[in-house]
Amino acid sequence: MARRSGGGPGTRIASVADFESWAARQSPAELAEPFTYVVGADGLLCLAPRRSEHVACAGGAAVLGAGEITFVREAGQWAASEVGNQSTGYCPDVTSWPAVARALDGIPLRRPAAFTHEVVFRRCPACAEHNIVREGDFVCVFCGSDLPKAWNVEVDDVGRSAHP
């Protein structure tokens, strides 16, 4: 049975039955929008309403992946049609995709071959601000310093990791 995750508003999904039970409780309007997701350290998908914070969805725990996900029903089966890594709470690297794919495969739900929307996060070494890199421009929007090419947001200020 689907159950709430450690104190957050997210629901852990370990099977098709869990997913279908969760989906049946969503309105058609909610199902038309993306949802907040995290993949916990246990490798399970956890879902919450789109306006939920990723850290709350995970109950404050470390995650292997985080972002937004959209589901569609095709040929009588549910599928993840769009999956991204946009989470300013965890700033997961694009290399978190394999953990997300394993979580979806473990349910199993059909999914894209990769993130359909990738966000590149970097922490500025000069001012420590988090940045979203746009159009390959690795320059801090806060202080103008160069950003590293490699992902460097391994641990946030309270020790949560968002890296597989």
N, C-alpha and C. Protein backbone atom coordinates (compact mmCIF):
# COMPACT_ATOMS: atom_id res chain seq x y z
N MET A 1 0.84 -1.18 0.00
CA MET A 1 0.00 0.00 0.00
C MET A 1 0.88 1.24 0.00
N ALA A 2 0.46 2.26 -0.75
CA ALA A 2 1.21 3.52 -0.78
C ALA A 2 1.17 4.14 0.61
N ARG A 3 2.29 4.71 1.02
CA ARG A 3 2.31 5.33 2.34
C ARG A 3 3.06 6.65 2.28
N ARG A 4 2.76 7.50 3.20
CA ARG A 4 3.40 8.80 3.27
C ARG A 4 4.85 8.62 3.68
N SER A 5 5.71 9.49 3.19
CA SER A 5 7.12 9.39 3.54
C SER A 5 7.40 10.21 4.78
N GLY A 6 8.49 9.88 5.47
CA GLY A 6 8.93 10.46 6.71
C GLY A 6 8.57 11.90 7.00
N GLY A 7 7.36 12.20 7.32
CA GLY A 7 6.97 13.52 7.76
C GLY A 7 6.63 14.49 6.65
N GLY A 8 6.97 14.20 5.41
CA GLY A 8 6.69 15.11 4.30
C GLY A 8 5.35 14.79 3.67
N PRO A 9 4.91 15.64 2.77
CA PRO A 9 3.64 15.41 2.12
C PRO A 9 3.70 14.40 0.98
N GLY A 10 4.89 13.85 0.71
CA GLY A 10 5.04 12.92 -0.40
C GLY A 10 4.52 11.53 -0.11
N THR A 11 4.15 10.82 -1.16
CA THR A 11 3.68 9.44 -1.06
C THR A 11 4.68 8.53 -1.77
N ARG A 12 5.16 7.53 -1.07
CA ARG A 12 6.11 6.59 -1.65
C ARG A 12 5.37 5.63 -2.58
N ILE A 13 5.99 5.39 -3.74
CA ILE A 13 5.39 4.53 -4.75
C ILE A 13 6.36 3.39 -5.03
N ALA A 14 5.97 2.17 -4.65
CA ALA A 14 6.86 1.02 -4.83
C ALA A 14 6.34 0.02 -5.87
N SER A 15 5.08 0.21 -6.33
CA SER A 15 4.49 -0.76 -7.26
C SER A 15 3.43 -0.08 -8.11
N VAL A 16 3.00 -0.78 -9.15
CA VAL A 16 1.92 -0.27 -9.99
C VAL A 16 0.66 -0.06 -9.15
N ALA A 17 0.38 -1.00 -8.24
CA ALA A 17 -0.79 -0.86 -7.36
C ALA A 17 -0.70 0.41 -6.52
N ASP A 18 0.50 0.70 -5.98
CA ASP A 18 0.70 1.95 -5.23
C ASP A 18 0.40 3.15 -6.12
N PHE A 19 0.96 3.12 -7.34
CA PHE A 19 0.77 4.26 -8.24
C PHE A 19 -0.70 4.43 -8.60
N GLU A 20 -1.37 3.35 -8.95
CA GLU A 20 -2.78 3.45 -9.33
C GLU A 20 -3.64 3.93 -8.18
N SER A 21 -3.34 3.49 -6.96
CA SER A 21 -4.06 3.96 -5.78
C SER A 21 -3.84 5.46 -5.59
N TRP A 22 -2.60 5.90 -5.74
CA TRP A 22 -2.27 7.32 -5.62
C TRP A 22 -2.96 8.12 -6.72
N ALA A 23 -2.87 7.66 -7.97
CA ALA A 23 -3.46 8.38 -9.11
C ALA A 23 -4.97 8.50 -8.96
N ALA A 24 -5.62 7.48 -8.41
CA ALA A 24 -7.07 7.50 -8.23
C ALA A 24 -7.51 8.60 -7.25
N ARG A 25 -6.61 9.03 -6.39
CA ARG A 25 -6.92 10.09 -5.42
C ARG A 25 -6.65 11.49 -5.97
N GLN A 26 -6.11 11.57 -7.19
CA GLN A 26 -5.81 12.87 -7.80
C GLN A 26 -6.97 13.29 -8.70
N SER A 27 -7.23 14.57 -8.77
CA SER A 27 -8.27 15.06 -9.66
C SER A 27 -7.74 15.09 -11.09
N PRO A 28 -8.64 15.12 -12.07
CA PRO A 28 -8.18 15.23 -13.46
C PRO A 28 -7.31 16.48 -13.69
N ALA A 29 -7.65 17.58 -13.03
CA ALA A 29 -6.84 18.80 -13.16
C ALA A 29 -5.44 18.59 -12.60
N GLU A 30 -5.35 17.90 -11.45
CA GLU A 30 -4.03 17.62 -10.86
C GLU A 30 -3.22 16.70 -11.76
N LEU A 31 -3.87 15.68 -12.32
CA LEU A 31 -3.16 14.72 -13.17
C LEU A 31 -2.67 15.36 -14.47
N ALA A 32 -3.25 16.49 -14.84
CA ALA A 32 -2.82 17.18 -16.06
C ALA A 32 -1.55 18.01 -15.83
N GLU A 33 -1.19 18.24 -14.58
CA GLU A 33 -0.01 19.05 -14.24
C GLU A 33 1.14 18.15 -13.82
N PRO A 34 2.37 18.68 -13.86
CA PRO A 34 3.50 17.92 -13.31
C PRO A 34 3.38 17.80 -11.79
N PHE A 35 4.05 16.80 -11.25
CA PHE A 35 4.12 16.58 -9.81
C PHE A 35 5.56 16.74 -9.35
N THR A 36 5.72 17.09 -8.09
CA THR A 36 7.03 17.09 -7.45
C THR A 36 7.39 15.64 -7.17
N TYR A 37 8.65 15.27 -7.45
CA TYR A 37 9.10 13.93 -7.10
C TYR A 37 10.47 13.98 -6.46
N VAL A 38 10.76 12.98 -5.68
CA VAL A 38 12.13 12.69 -5.23
C VAL A 38 12.31 11.18 -5.33
N VAL A 39 13.55 10.78 -5.46
CA VAL A 39 13.92 9.37 -5.34
C VAL A 39 14.73 9.29 -4.06
N GLY A 40 14.17 8.59 -3.07
CA GLY A 40 14.83 8.50 -1.77
C GLY A 40 16.08 7.65 -1.82
N ALA A 41 16.83 7.67 -0.73
CA ALA A 41 18.04 6.87 -0.62
C ALA A 41 17.73 5.38 -0.76
N ASP A 42 16.47 5.00 -0.51
CA ASP A 42 16.05 3.61 -0.68
C ASP A 42 15.74 3.26 -2.14
N GLY A 43 15.84 4.25 -3.03
CA GLY A 43 15.59 4.03 -4.45
C GLY A 43 14.14 4.11 -4.86
N LEU A 44 13.24 4.45 -3.92
CA LEU A 44 11.81 4.53 -4.24
C LEU A 44 11.39 5.93 -4.63
N LEU A 45 10.44 5.98 -5.56
CA LEU A 45 9.85 7.23 -5.99
C LEU A 45 8.90 7.75 -4.93
N CYS A 46 8.90 9.03 -4.69
CA CYS A 46 7.99 9.68 -3.75
C CYS A 46 7.37 10.86 -4.48
N LEU A 47 6.04 10.97 -4.46
CA LEU A 47 5.32 12.00 -5.20
C LEU A 47 4.56 12.94 -4.28
N ALA A 48 4.48 14.20 -4.70
CA ALA A 48 3.73 15.22 -3.96
C ALA A 48 3.16 16.20 -4.98
N PRO A 49 2.18 17.01 -4.57
CA PRO A 49 1.65 18.03 -5.47
C PRO A 49 2.76 18.95 -5.98
N ARG A 50 2.58 19.48 -7.17
CA ARG A 50 3.59 20.30 -7.84
C ARG A 50 4.09 21.44 -6.97
N ARG A 51 3.25 22.06 -6.22
CA ARG A 51 3.65 23.22 -5.43
C ARG A 51 4.36 22.84 -4.12
N SER A 52 4.58 21.56 -3.93
CA SER A 52 5.28 21.08 -2.73
C SER A 52 6.79 21.29 -2.91
N GLU A 53 7.46 21.49 -1.80
CA GLU A 53 8.91 21.58 -1.81
C GLU A 53 9.49 20.16 -1.88
N HIS A 54 10.56 20.01 -2.62
CA HIS A 54 11.20 18.70 -2.74
C HIS A 54 11.71 18.19 -1.39
N VAL A 55 12.28 19.08 -0.60
CA VAL A 55 12.81 18.69 0.70
C VAL A 55 11.67 18.18 1.60
N ALA A 56 10.51 18.82 1.54
CA ALA A 56 9.35 18.36 2.31
C ALA A 56 8.86 17.01 1.78
N CYS A 57 8.84 16.86 0.46
CA CYS A 57 8.41 15.59 -0.14
C CYS A 57 9.27 14.45 0.36
N ALA A 58 10.56 14.71 0.56
CA ALA A 58 11.49 13.69 1.03
C ALA A 58 11.56 13.60 2.54
N GLY A 59 10.77 14.38 3.23
CA GLY A 59 10.81 14.37 4.69
C GLY A 59 12.15 14.85 5.23
N GLY A 60 12.84 15.69 4.44
CA GLY A 60 14.13 16.25 4.86
C GLY A 60 15.31 15.33 4.67
N ALA A 61 15.09 14.16 4.10
CA ALA A 61 16.16 13.17 3.95
C ALA A 61 16.98 13.41 2.68
N ALA A 62 18.13 12.78 2.62
CA ALA A 62 18.97 12.78 1.42
C ALA A 62 18.22 12.08 0.29
N VAL A 63 18.48 12.49 -0.95
CA VAL A 63 17.82 11.89 -2.10
C VAL A 63 18.83 11.52 -3.18
N LEU A 64 18.40 10.64 -4.06
CA LEU A 64 19.21 10.26 -5.23
C LEU A 64 18.82 11.06 -6.45
N GLY A 65 17.64 11.67 -6.42
CA GLY A 65 17.15 12.48 -7.54
C GLY A 65 15.95 13.27 -7.10
N ALA A 66 15.67 14.35 -7.82
CA ALA A 66 14.51 15.20 -7.51
C ALA A 66 14.17 16.03 -8.73
N GLY A 67 12.90 16.42 -8.82
CA GLY A 67 12.47 17.26 -9.94
C GLY A 67 10.98 17.26 -10.08
N GLU A 68 10.54 17.42 -11.33
CA GLU A 68 9.12 17.40 -11.66
C GLU A 68 8.86 16.30 -12.67
N ILE A 69 7.66 15.69 -12.57
CA ILE A 69 7.32 14.56 -13.43
C ILE A 69 5.85 14.68 -13.85
N THR A 70 5.58 14.32 -15.08
CA THR A 70 4.22 14.34 -15.63
C THR A 70 3.86 12.92 -16.04
N PHE A 71 2.61 12.53 -15.76
CA PHE A 71 2.14 11.20 -16.10
C PHE A 71 1.01 11.28 -17.11
N VAL A 72 0.94 10.27 -17.97
CA VAL A 72 -0.16 10.14 -18.93
C VAL A 72 -0.63 8.70 -18.90
N ARG A 73 -1.88 8.52 -19.28
CA ARG A 73 -2.43 7.17 -19.39
C ARG A 73 -2.52 6.86 -20.88
N GLU A 74 -1.77 5.83 -21.31
CA GLU A 74 -1.73 5.44 -22.72
C GLU A 74 -2.01 3.96 -22.84
N ALA A 75 -2.93 3.61 -23.71
CA ALA A 75 -3.27 2.20 -23.95
C ALA A 75 -3.57 1.46 -22.64
N GLY A 76 -4.28 2.15 -21.74
CA GLY A 76 -4.68 1.53 -20.48
C GLY A 76 -3.60 1.42 -19.44
N GLN A 77 -2.42 2.00 -19.70
CA GLN A 77 -1.32 1.95 -18.74
C GLN A 77 -0.81 3.35 -18.45
N TRP A 78 -0.32 3.53 -17.24
CA TRP A 78 0.30 4.80 -16.87
C TRP A 78 1.75 4.84 -17.35
N ALA A 79 2.19 6.04 -17.71
CA ALA A 79 3.58 6.25 -18.12
C ALA A 79 4.03 7.62 -17.64
N ALA A 80 5.31 7.74 -17.38
CA ALA A 80 5.91 9.04 -17.10
C ALA A 80 6.25 9.64 -18.46
N SER A 81 5.57 10.72 -18.83
CA SER A 81 5.79 11.29 -20.16
C SER A 81 6.89 12.36 -20.16
N GLU A 82 7.02 13.08 -19.06
CA GLU A 82 8.05 14.10 -18.95
C GLU A 82 8.67 14.00 -17.56
N VAL A 83 10.00 14.08 -17.53
CA VAL A 83 10.73 14.01 -16.26
C VAL A 83 11.88 15.00 -16.33
N GLY A 84 11.96 15.87 -15.33
CA GLY A 84 13.06 16.83 -15.25
C GLY A 84 13.73 16.77 -13.90
N ASN A 85 14.83 17.47 -13.78
CA ASN A 85 15.58 17.49 -12.51
C ASN A 85 15.53 18.87 -11.85
N GLN A 86 14.50 19.66 -12.16
CA GLN A 86 14.41 21.00 -11.58
C GLN A 86 13.97 20.93 -10.13
N SER A 87 14.91 21.16 -9.23
CA SER A 87 14.67 21.18 -7.79
C SER A 87 15.68 22.13 -7.17
N THR A 88 15.23 23.30 -6.77
CA THR A 88 16.17 24.23 -6.14
C THR A 88 16.45 23.85 -4.70
N GLY A 89 15.69 22.93 -4.15
CA GLY A 89 15.97 22.44 -2.80
C GLY A 89 17.15 21.49 -2.76
N TYR A 90 17.30 20.68 -3.81
CA TYR A 90 18.39 19.71 -3.86
C TYR A 90 19.42 20.00 -4.96
N CYS A 91 19.04 20.73 -6.00
CA CYS A 91 19.95 21.03 -7.12
C CYS A 91 20.62 19.77 -7.65
N PRO A 92 19.86 18.75 -8.02
CA PRO A 92 20.48 17.49 -8.46
C PRO A 92 21.17 17.64 -9.81
N ASP A 93 22.24 16.91 -9.98
CA ASP A 93 22.98 16.92 -11.23
C ASP A 93 22.19 16.14 -12.29
N VAL A 94 22.48 16.42 -13.54
CA VAL A 94 21.83 15.69 -14.63
C VAL A 94 22.22 14.21 -14.60
N THR A 95 23.30 13.88 -13.91
CA THR A 95 23.72 12.48 -13.80
C THR A 95 22.86 11.71 -12.80
N SER A 96 21.85 12.35 -12.23
CA SER A 96 20.93 11.64 -11.34
C SER A 96 19.90 10.82 -12.13
N TRP A 97 19.89 10.96 -13.46
CA TRP A 97 18.90 10.25 -14.27
C TRP A 97 18.88 8.73 -14.01
N PRO A 98 20.02 8.03 -13.96
CA PRO A 98 19.93 6.58 -13.74
C PRO A 98 19.15 6.19 -12.48
N ALA A 99 19.27 6.95 -11.40
CA ALA A 99 18.52 6.65 -10.18
C ALA A 99 17.02 6.85 -10.39
N VAL A 100 16.66 7.90 -11.14
CA VAL A 100 15.25 8.15 -11.44
C VAL A 100 14.72 7.04 -12.34
N ALA A 101 15.49 6.67 -13.34
CA ALA A 101 15.06 5.60 -14.25
C ALA A 101 14.87 4.29 -13.50
N ARG A 102 15.80 3.95 -12.59
CA ARG A 102 15.66 2.71 -11.81
C ARG A 102 14.40 2.73 -10.96
N ALA A 103 14.08 3.89 -10.36
CA ALA A 103 12.87 3.99 -9.53
C ALA A 103 11.63 3.76 -10.38
N LEU A 104 11.57 4.35 -11.56
CA LEU A 104 10.41 4.16 -12.44
C LEU A 104 10.35 2.73 -12.97
N ASP A 105 11.50 2.18 -13.33
CA ASP A 105 11.54 0.80 -13.81
C ASP A 105 11.12 -0.19 -12.73
N GLY A 106 11.45 0.12 -11.48
CA GLY A 106 11.12 -0.76 -10.37
C GLY A 106 9.63 -0.84 -10.07
N ILE A 107 8.86 0.13 -10.53
CA ILE A 107 7.41 0.15 -10.21
C ILE A 107 6.66 -0.95 -10.98
N PRO A 108 6.74 -1.20 -12.24
CA PRO A 108 7.35 -0.47 -13.34
C PRO A 108 6.35 0.49 -14.02
N LEU A 109 6.90 1.64 -14.46
CA LEU A 109 6.17 2.59 -15.29
C LEU A 109 7.02 2.90 -16.51
N ARG A 110 6.37 2.98 -17.67
CA ARG A 110 7.12 3.40 -18.86
C ARG A 110 7.64 4.81 -18.63
N ARG A 111 8.75 5.13 -19.29
CA ARG A 111 9.41 6.40 -19.05
C ARG A 111 10.20 6.83 -20.28
N PRO A 112 10.60 8.09 -20.34
CA PRO A 112 11.49 8.52 -21.42
C PRO A 112 12.88 7.89 -21.24
N ALA A 113 13.71 8.01 -22.26
CA ALA A 113 15.06 7.44 -22.21
C ALA A 113 16.02 8.29 -21.39
N ALA A 114 15.64 9.54 -21.14
CA ALA A 114 16.50 10.46 -20.38
C ALA A 114 15.60 11.59 -19.88
N PHE A 115 16.18 12.50 -19.09
CA PHE A 115 15.40 13.67 -18.67
C PHE A 115 14.87 14.38 -19.91
N THR A 116 13.61 14.77 -19.88
CA THR A 116 13.04 15.54 -20.98
C THR A 116 13.32 17.02 -20.80
N HIS A 117 13.67 17.41 -19.58
CA HIS A 117 14.06 18.79 -19.28
C HIS A 117 15.20 18.73 -18.27
N GLU A 118 16.41 19.06 -18.73
CA GLU A 118 17.58 19.04 -17.86
C GLU A 118 17.89 20.45 -17.36
N VAL A 119 18.18 20.56 -16.08
CA VAL A 119 18.62 21.81 -15.49
C VAL A 119 20.03 21.59 -14.96
N VAL A 120 20.94 22.49 -15.32
CA VAL A 120 22.33 22.40 -14.89
C VAL A 120 22.52 23.35 -13.71
N PHE A 121 22.81 22.79 -12.54
CA PHE A 121 23.02 23.56 -11.32
C PHE A 121 24.51 23.63 -11.01
N ARG A 122 24.95 24.79 -10.52
CA ARG A 122 26.31 24.94 -10.02
C ARG A 122 26.28 25.88 -8.83
N ARG A 123 27.18 25.64 -7.88
CA ARG A 123 27.38 26.55 -6.76
C ARG A 123 28.60 27.40 -7.10
N CYS A 124 28.47 28.70 -6.91
CA CYS A 124 29.58 29.60 -7.21
C CYS A 124 30.66 29.46 -6.14
N PRO A 125 31.90 29.20 -6.55
CA PRO A 125 32.97 29.09 -5.56
C PRO A 125 33.31 30.43 -4.89
N ALA A 126 32.98 31.53 -5.56
CA ALA A 126 33.32 32.85 -5.01
C ALA A 126 32.29 33.33 -3.98
N CYS A 127 30.99 33.20 -4.30
CA CYS A 127 29.97 33.76 -3.41
C CYS A 127 29.07 32.69 -2.78
N ALA A 128 29.24 31.42 -3.17
CA ALA A 128 28.51 30.26 -2.64
C ALA A 128 27.03 30.24 -3.02
N GLU A 129 26.60 31.08 -3.94
CA GLU A 129 25.20 31.06 -4.37
C GLU A 129 24.97 29.93 -5.37
N HIS A 130 23.76 29.39 -5.35
CA HIS A 130 23.37 28.37 -6.34
C HIS A 130 22.96 29.08 -7.62
N ASN A 131 23.35 28.51 -8.74
CA ASN A 131 23.04 29.07 -10.05
C ASN A 131 22.42 28.00 -10.93
N ILE A 132 21.56 28.43 -11.83
CA ILE A 132 21.11 27.60 -12.94
C ILE A 132 21.88 28.09 -14.15
N VAL A 133 22.61 27.17 -14.78
CA VAL A 133 23.40 27.51 -15.96
C VAL A 133 22.48 27.50 -17.16
N ARG A 134 22.44 28.60 -17.87
CA ARG A 134 21.59 28.71 -19.05
C ARG A 134 22.45 28.87 -20.29
N GLU A 135 22.08 28.14 -21.34
CA GLU A 135 22.74 28.23 -22.64
C GLU A 135 24.25 28.06 -22.55
N GLY A 136 24.70 27.20 -21.63
CA GLY A 136 26.13 26.91 -21.53
C GLY A 136 26.97 28.05 -21.00
N ASP A 137 26.35 29.06 -20.40
CA ASP A 137 27.07 30.22 -19.87
C ASP A 137 27.39 29.97 -18.40
N PHE A 138 28.59 29.49 -18.12
CA PHE A 138 29.01 29.12 -16.77
C PHE A 138 29.57 30.33 -16.03
N VAL A 139 28.69 31.34 -15.83
CA VAL A 139 29.06 32.56 -15.11
C VAL A 139 28.00 32.80 -14.03
N CYS A 140 28.45 33.10 -12.83
CA CYS A 140 27.53 33.34 -11.71
C CYS A 140 26.70 34.58 -11.98
N VAL A 141 25.38 34.44 -11.86
CA VAL A 141 24.49 35.59 -12.07
C VAL A 141 24.53 36.56 -10.89
N PHE A 142 25.10 36.15 -9.78
CA PHE A 142 25.13 36.99 -8.58
C PHE A 142 26.40 37.83 -8.51
N CYS A 143 27.55 37.23 -8.84
CA CYS A 143 28.81 37.98 -8.68
C CYS A 143 29.66 38.03 -9.94
N GLY A 144 29.27 37.32 -10.99
CA GLY A 144 30.01 37.37 -12.24
C GLY A 144 31.21 36.45 -12.32
N SER A 145 31.48 35.67 -11.29
CA SER A 145 32.62 34.74 -11.30
C SER A 145 32.33 33.55 -12.21
N ASP A 146 33.39 32.92 -12.67
CA ASP A 146 33.24 31.71 -13.47
C ASP A 146 32.73 30.57 -12.59
N LEU A 147 31.85 29.78 -13.16
CA LEU A 147 31.33 28.59 -12.47
C LEU A 147 32.07 27.36 -12.97
N PRO A 148 32.24 26.36 -12.12
CA PRO A 148 32.92 25.15 -12.56
C PRO A 148 32.09 24.40 -13.60
N LYS A 149 32.78 23.69 -14.48
CA LYS A 149 32.08 22.88 -15.50
C LYS A 149 31.48 21.62 -14.87
N ALA A 150 32.10 21.12 -13.81
CA ALA A 150 31.62 19.91 -13.14
C ALA A 150 30.65 20.29 -12.01
N TRP A 151 29.65 19.44 -11.79
CA TRP A 151 28.65 19.66 -10.74
C TRP A 151 29.35 19.75 -9.39
N ASN A 152 28.97 20.74 -8.59
CA ASN A 152 29.63 20.96 -7.30
C ASN A 152 28.65 21.31 -6.18
N VAL A 153 27.43 20.83 -6.28
CA VAL A 153 26.42 21.13 -5.26
C VAL A 153 26.16 19.85 -4.47
N GLU A 154 27.23 19.19 -4.04
CA GLU A 154 27.09 17.87 -3.42
C GLU A 154 26.28 17.87 -2.15
N VAL A 155 26.45 18.85 -1.30
CA VAL A 155 25.74 18.87 -0.03
C VAL A 155 25.27 20.29 0.24
N ASP A 156 24.00 20.41 0.63
CA ASP A 156 23.51 21.75 0.94
C ASP A 156 23.84 22.12 2.38
N ASP A 157 23.35 23.23 2.82
CA ASP A 157 23.72 23.77 4.11
C ASP A 157 23.31 22.91 5.30
N VAL A 158 22.38 21.99 5.13
CA VAL A 158 21.99 21.13 6.24
C VAL A 158 22.38 19.68 6.00
N GLY A 159 23.27 19.46 5.03
CA GLY A 159 23.85 18.14 4.86
C GLY A 159 23.10 17.18 3.97
N ARG A 160 22.10 17.64 3.23
CA ARG A 160 21.38 16.74 2.35
C ARG A 160 22.09 16.64 1.01
N SER A 161 22.27 15.46 0.53
CA SER A 161 22.90 15.24 -0.76
C SER A 161 21.83 15.01 -1.82
N ALA A 162 22.13 15.40 -3.03
CA ALA A 162 21.23 15.14 -4.14
C ALA A 162 22.03 14.55 -5.28
N HIS A 163 22.87 13.61 -4.96
CA HIS A 163 23.73 13.02 -5.98
C HIS A 163 23.75 11.51 -5.79
N PRO A 164 23.59 10.78 -6.90
CA PRO A 164 23.57 9.32 -6.77
C PRO A 164 24.91 8.76 -6.33
